[in-house]
Amino acid sequence: MRRIGAIFTPSYPPEDLRGAAQAADEAGVPELWLWEDCFRESAFATASAVLAWTTHLRVGIGVVPMPLRNVAATAMEIATLERLFPGRLIPGLGHGVQSWMQQIGARAASPLTLMREYVPALRALLAGDEVSTQGRYVSLDQVRLDWPPRQAPAIIVAGEGPKTVRLTGEVGDGTVLPAGSDPDRVSRTLGMAVEGRVATGRGEAHELVVFVAAAFGGEAARKRLAGELARSAPEPDPALMVAGDAATVAAAVEPFFAAGATSVILQPTEGEPDLVGFMAGVGEVARLTSDG
């Protein structure tokens, strides 16, 4: 089932979150995604607040930097939220921005090794298992959660390079791609993730979450989006010009679904002047793209 969602980026202060989240909930947005960018806002604190403030929203975390948090602490956070708000959390993990990890003295010499150790340990803890492991980065001695979730949530893992993407397929339930990824990249990424998944005997079903920058409105919205895209490329890719009214945006995201994305999460441009209006637009796109 394909899904539409929105992002509340931490370029906005935490006090703006409640209004945006409640607007999203009222507009029928299925998912609201949050970031844990250093050194802005905590992912789990904001997720717990959004879940408490809203009724229907599922909340995605895209993503928690693995070097920043001990795997047992991450398991406790996820398990607690899952038990408080069953079925409404979508936890995501990633390497973290390496320069930020360097700043806090947590940069892993081998991010792939960290991911290979961390994600399976996290999944085992959330399954209620007692875990003992001695790895390069993850060391646990007979650790078991007292309150594991009744049903462990899917774990989404961020990846961009080929080796990382294949590993997300091996160890995760889905892969998340950042904004700036066109449909061709979505298709290639899904293929690599499925290769990794099949190689470990896990079958071919794999989530692919892609963040897509978007703007609702007329020419001013298009210019705002084009300006944001121009920061990474002189000429904006037409496939990434997701701007206009809800019907236009809905048509523009169809190629991402056709390429294999299971979730297209719309990201406001930096400095979006109307977050409430943006959430309303995402809700309308979700209705237009619903597959029932």
Protein backbone atom coordinates (compact mmCIF):
# COMPACT_ATOMS: atom_id res chain seq x y z
CA MET A 1 0.00 0.00 0.00
CA ARG A 2 1.47 3.36 -1.00
CA ARG A 3 1.45 6.18 1.49
CA ILE A 4 1.82 9.96 1.53
CA GLY A 5 3.21 11.88 4.48
CA ALA A 6 4.71 15.19 5.54
CA ILE A 7 7.85 16.29 7.34
CA PHE A 8 8.29 18.74 10.18
CA THR A 9 11.92 19.73 9.80
CA PRO A 10 13.96 20.89 12.81
CA SER A 11 14.71 24.16 11.03
CA TYR A 12 11.52 25.23 12.80
CA PRO A 13 11.68 25.70 16.60
CA PRO A 14 10.12 23.01 18.81
CA GLU A 15 7.29 25.30 19.85
CA ASP A 16 5.99 25.27 16.25
CA LEU A 17 5.56 21.50 16.30
CA ARG A 18 2.21 21.24 18.07
CA GLY A 19 0.36 23.46 15.62
CA ALA A 20 1.88 21.72 12.62
CA ALA A 21 1.16 18.24 13.98
CA GLN A 22 -2.42 19.00 14.87
CA ALA A 23 -2.97 20.64 11.47
CA ALA A 24 -1.62 17.49 9.83
CA ASP A 25 -3.88 15.28 11.93
CA GLU A 26 -6.95 17.37 11.14
CA ALA A 27 -6.09 17.41 7.42
CA GLY A 28 -5.92 13.62 7.27
CA VAL A 29 -2.18 13.38 6.67
CA PRO A 30 -1.36 9.69 7.28
CA GLU A 31 2.23 10.16 8.50
CA LEU A 32 4.31 12.98 9.98
CA TRP A 33 8.08 12.47 9.92
CA LEU A 34 10.56 14.06 12.31
CA TRP A 35 14.32 14.46 12.08
CA GLU A 36 17.03 14.22 14.71
CA ASP A 37 19.50 16.70 13.27
CA CYS A 38 22.38 17.70 15.50
CA PHE A 39 22.08 19.89 17.40
CA ARG A 40 18.45 20.75 17.08
CA GLU A 41 15.60 18.58 18.36
CA SER A 42 15.43 15.15 19.98
CA ALA A 43 13.60 12.59 17.90
CA PHE A 44 11.95 10.63 20.69
CA ALA A 45 10.88 13.67 22.74
CA THR A 46 9.20 15.20 19.72
CA ALA A 47 7.68 11.89 18.62
CA SER A 48 6.12 11.30 22.03
CA ALA A 49 4.66 14.81 22.04
CA VAL A 50 3.15 14.45 18.56
CA LEU A 51 1.67 11.06 19.39
CA ALA A 52 0.07 12.51 22.52
CA TRP A 53 -1.26 15.61 20.75
CA THR A 54 -2.85 13.74 17.84
CA THR A 55 -5.28 10.93 17.23
CA HIS A 56 -4.60 9.35 13.87
CA LEU A 57 -1.11 10.34 12.76
CA ARG A 58 1.61 7.77 12.48
CA VAL A 59 4.96 9.32 13.38
CA GLY A 60 8.13 8.48 11.50
CA ILE A 61 11.62 9.20 12.78
CA GLY A 62 13.90 9.83 9.86
CA VAL A 63 16.41 9.18 11.29
CA VAL A 64 18.07 8.51 14.65
CA PRO A 65 21.88 8.54 14.29
CA MET A 66 23.11 5.17 15.54
CA PRO A 67 26.47 6.48 16.82
CA LEU A 68 24.61 8.96 19.03
CA ARG A 69 22.62 6.39 21.03
CA ASN A 70 23.40 3.10 22.72
CA VAL A 71 21.29 0.39 21.12
CA ALA A 72 19.69 -0.58 24.44
CA ALA A 73 18.58 3.02 25.00
CA THR A 74 17.13 3.16 21.49
CA ALA A 75 15.27 -0.10 22.11
CA MET A 76 13.83 1.27 25.36
CA GLU A 77 12.64 4.46 23.64
CA ILE A 78 10.99 2.60 20.77
CA ALA A 79 9.41 -0.03 23.03
CA THR A 80 7.99 2.60 25.38
CA LEU A 81 6.40 4.61 22.57
CA GLU A 82 5.08 1.49 20.86
CA ARG A 83 3.38 0.34 24.05
CA LEU A 84 1.94 3.80 24.74
CA PHE A 85 0.78 4.35 21.14
CA PRO A 86 0.54 0.92 19.48
CA GLY A 87 1.12 0.84 15.75
CA ARG A 88 1.72 4.57 15.35
CA LEU A 89 5.53 4.78 15.44
CA ILE A 90 7.82 4.25 12.43
CA PRO A 91 11.38 4.19 13.78
CA GLY A 92 14.21 5.02 11.41
CA LEU A 93 17.95 4.67 11.91
CA GLY A 94 20.99 5.92 10.04
CA HIS A 95 24.74 6.52 10.13
CA GLY A 96 24.32 10.16 11.12
CA VAL A 97 26.09 13.03 9.40
CA GLN A 98 29.73 12.13 9.85
CA SER A 99 30.92 15.68 10.61
CA TRP A 100 28.35 15.93 13.40
CA MET A 101 29.34 12.55 14.78
CA GLN A 102 32.95 13.78 14.76
CA GLN A 103 31.94 16.87 16.73
CA ILE A 104 30.55 14.79 19.57
CA GLY A 105 33.31 12.19 19.57
CA ALA A 106 31.02 9.43 18.32
CA ARG A 107 32.09 8.99 14.71
CA ALA A 108 32.38 5.30 13.82
CA ALA A 109 35.48 4.27 11.87
CA SER A 110 33.30 1.73 10.05
CA PRO A 111 29.67 2.89 9.79
CA LEU A 112 28.76 -0.30 7.91
CA THR A 113 30.05 -2.47 10.75
CA LEU A 114 28.08 -0.38 13.22
CA MET A 115 24.89 -0.83 11.19
CA ARG A 116 25.50 -4.56 10.76
CA GLU A 117 25.82 -4.97 14.54
CA TYR A 118 23.28 -2.39 15.70
CA VAL A 119 20.14 -3.11 13.67
CA PRO A 120 19.97 -6.89 14.36
CA ALA A 121 20.60 -6.27 18.07
CA LEU A 122 17.82 -3.68 18.12
CA ARG A 123 15.40 -5.98 16.33
CA ALA A 124 16.18 -8.81 18.75
CA LEU A 125 15.62 -6.58 21.77
CA LEU A 126 12.30 -5.34 20.39
CA ALA A 127 11.27 -8.95 19.78
CA GLY A 128 11.68 -9.54 23.52
CA ASP A 129 14.81 -11.69 23.21
CA GLU A 130 17.64 -11.77 25.68
CA VAL A 131 20.65 -10.49 23.77
CA SER A 132 24.33 -11.12 24.41
CA THR A 133 26.79 -9.97 21.79
CA GLN A 134 30.35 -8.67 21.69
CA GLY A 135 31.05 -6.69 18.55
CA ARG A 136 33.25 -3.84 17.51
CA TYR A 137 30.58 -1.28 18.46
CA VAL A 138 27.70 -3.14 20.09
CA SER A 139 28.29 -5.02 23.34
CA LEU A 140 25.38 -6.45 25.31
CA ASP A 141 25.49 -8.95 28.16
CA GLN A 142 22.19 -10.74 28.80
CA VAL A 143 20.09 -7.67 28.02
CA ARG A 144 16.34 -8.11 27.77
CA LEU A 145 13.64 -5.43 27.82
CA ASP A 146 11.19 -5.72 30.69
CA TRP A 147 8.51 -4.10 28.55
CA PRO A 148 9.08 -5.06 24.92
CA PRO A 149 6.38 -3.99 22.46
CA ARG A 150 3.53 -6.41 21.98
CA GLN A 151 4.33 -6.26 18.27
CA ALA A 152 7.73 -5.01 17.20
CA PRO A 153 7.51 -2.17 14.65
CA ALA A 154 9.24 -2.28 11.28
CA ILE A 155 12.72 -0.73 11.37
CA ILE A 156 13.52 1.64 8.51
CA VAL A 157 17.21 2.28 7.76
CA ALA A 158 18.67 5.20 5.83
CA GLY A 159 21.12 4.48 3.04
CA GLU A 160 22.60 6.17 -0.02
CA GLY A 161 25.75 4.40 -1.24
CA PRO A 162 25.45 0.93 -2.84
CA LYS A 163 27.08 -0.96 0.06
CA THR A 164 24.91 0.78 2.64
CA VAL A 165 21.74 0.31 0.61
CA ARG A 166 22.36 -3.42 0.23
CA LEU A 167 22.94 -3.64 3.95
CA THR A 168 19.65 -1.86 4.67
CA GLY A 169 18.01 -4.70 2.77
CA GLU A 170 19.90 -7.31 4.74
CA VAL A 171 19.12 -5.95 8.21
CA GLY A 172 16.15 -3.57 7.89
CA ASP A 173 12.50 -3.66 6.93
CA GLY A 174 12.80 -0.65 4.68
CA THR A 175 15.14 1.98 3.27
CA VAL A 176 14.78 5.75 3.46
CA LEU A 177 16.21 8.14 0.87
CA PRO A 178 16.73 11.88 1.38
CA ALA A 179 15.17 14.69 -0.61
CA GLY A 180 16.84 15.17 -3.97
CA SER A 181 16.37 11.54 -5.00
CA ASP A 182 14.66 11.27 -8.37
CA PRO A 183 12.50 8.31 -9.48
CA ASP A 184 15.44 6.65 -11.26
CA ARG A 185 17.40 6.67 -8.02
CA VAL A 186 14.38 5.28 -6.17
CA SER A 187 14.24 2.37 -8.59
CA ARG A 188 17.98 1.65 -8.37
CA THR A 189 17.94 1.89 -4.59
CA LEU A 190 15.02 -0.49 -4.22
CA GLY A 191 16.75 -2.98 -6.50
CA MET A 192 19.94 -2.92 -4.43
CA ALA A 193 18.04 -3.19 -1.14
CA VAL A 194 16.06 -6.17 -2.42
CA GLU A 195 19.32 -7.80 -3.55
CA GLY A 196 20.59 -7.56 0.01
CA ARG A 197 17.32 -8.83 1.41
CA VAL A 198 17.13 -11.82 -0.92
CA ALA A 199 20.78 -12.70 -0.26
CA THR A 200 19.91 -13.28 3.39
CA GLY A 201 16.78 -15.26 2.61
CA ARG A 202 14.33 -12.60 3.75
CA GLY A 203 12.19 -12.46 0.62
CA GLU A 204 11.58 -9.47 -1.63
CA ALA A 205 9.04 -7.33 0.26
CA HIS A 206 10.83 -4.13 1.25
CA GLU A 207 9.66 -0.64 2.14
CA LEU A 208 11.14 2.32 0.25
CA VAL A 209 10.57 5.73 1.83
CA VAL A 210 11.61 8.80 -0.14
CA PHE A 211 11.56 12.40 1.04
CA VAL A 212 10.48 14.82 -1.70
CA ALA A 213 10.69 18.60 -1.37
CA ALA A 214 7.39 20.22 -2.32
CA ALA A 215 5.62 23.58 -2.34
CA PHE A 216 1.92 24.38 -2.62
CA GLY A 217 0.72 27.46 -4.45
CA GLY A 218 1.39 29.40 -7.61
CA GLU A 219 4.48 30.92 -9.18
CA ALA A 220 5.92 32.03 -5.83
CA ALA A 221 5.84 28.43 -4.61
CA ARG A 222 7.57 27.20 -7.76
CA LYS A 223 10.29 29.83 -7.43
CA ARG A 224 10.82 28.93 -3.78
CA LEU A 225 11.20 25.25 -4.62
CA ALA A 226 13.43 25.94 -7.63
CA GLY A 227 15.67 28.08 -5.44
CA GLU A 228 15.99 25.29 -2.90
CA LEU A 229 16.77 22.68 -5.55
CA ALA A 230 19.35 24.98 -7.14
CA ARG A 231 21.50 24.68 -4.02
CA SER A 232 22.42 21.15 -5.07
CA ALA A 233 22.17 21.46 -8.88
CA PRO A 234 22.36 24.48 -11.21
CA GLU A 235 19.35 23.32 -13.22
CA PRO A 236 16.48 21.80 -11.20
CA ASP A 237 15.56 18.27 -12.29
CA PRO A 238 12.01 18.47 -13.73
CA ALA A 239 11.13 15.29 -11.83
CA LEU A 240 11.87 17.12 -8.59
CA MET A 241 9.75 20.18 -9.36
CA VAL A 242 6.88 19.07 -7.14
CA ALA A 243 4.95 22.32 -6.84
CA GLY A 244 1.50 23.70 -7.55
CA ASP A 245 -1.97 22.85 -6.30
CA ALA A 246 -2.75 19.51 -4.68
CA ALA A 247 -3.72 17.87 -7.99
CA THR A 248 -0.47 18.96 -9.61
CA VAL A 249 1.59 17.71 -6.68
CA ALA A 250 -0.32 14.42 -6.67
CA ALA A 251 0.50 13.93 -10.36
CA ALA A 252 4.15 14.84 -9.74
CA VAL A 253 4.62 12.15 -7.08
CA GLU A 254 3.20 9.35 -9.23
CA PRO A 255 6.59 8.61 -10.89
CA PHE A 256 8.09 7.97 -7.44
CA PHE A 257 5.42 5.38 -6.71
CA ALA A 258 5.86 3.89 -10.18
CA ALA A 259 9.58 3.53 -9.43
CA GLY A 260 8.81 1.42 -6.35
CA ALA A 261 8.46 3.87 -3.47
CA THR A 262 6.00 2.70 -0.85
CA SER A 263 5.97 6.07 0.95
CA VAL A 264 6.45 9.55 -0.51
CA ILE A 265 6.97 12.01 2.29
CA LEU A 266 6.58 15.65 1.28
CA GLN A 267 9.10 18.06 2.76
CA PRO A 268 8.39 21.79 3.00
CA THR A 269 10.94 24.16 1.57
CA GLU A 270 13.14 25.89 4.10
CA GLY A 271 11.28 28.92 5.32
CA GLU A 272 7.87 27.61 4.21
CA PRO A 273 5.62 30.57 5.15
CA ASP A 274 2.49 28.55 5.92
CA LEU A 275 3.07 25.21 7.65
CA VAL A 276 -0.63 24.77 8.43
CA GLY A 277 -1.47 25.32 4.76
CA PHE A 278 1.30 22.92 3.75
CA MET A 279 -0.16 20.19 5.96
CA ALA A 280 -3.60 20.82 4.48
CA GLY A 281 -2.12 20.41 1.01
CA VAL A 282 -0.45 17.13 1.96
CA GLY A 283 -3.75 15.86 3.31
CA GLU A 284 -5.44 16.60 -0.01
CA VAL A 285 -2.61 14.89 -1.94
CA ALA A 286 -3.03 11.84 0.31
CA ARG A 287 -6.73 11.68 -0.62
CA LEU A 288 -6.00 12.10 -4.34
CA THR A 289 -3.32 9.40 -4.39
CA SER A 290 -5.09 6.90 -2.15
CA ASP A 291 -5.20 3.39 -3.59
CA GLY A 292 -8.01 2.42 -1.27
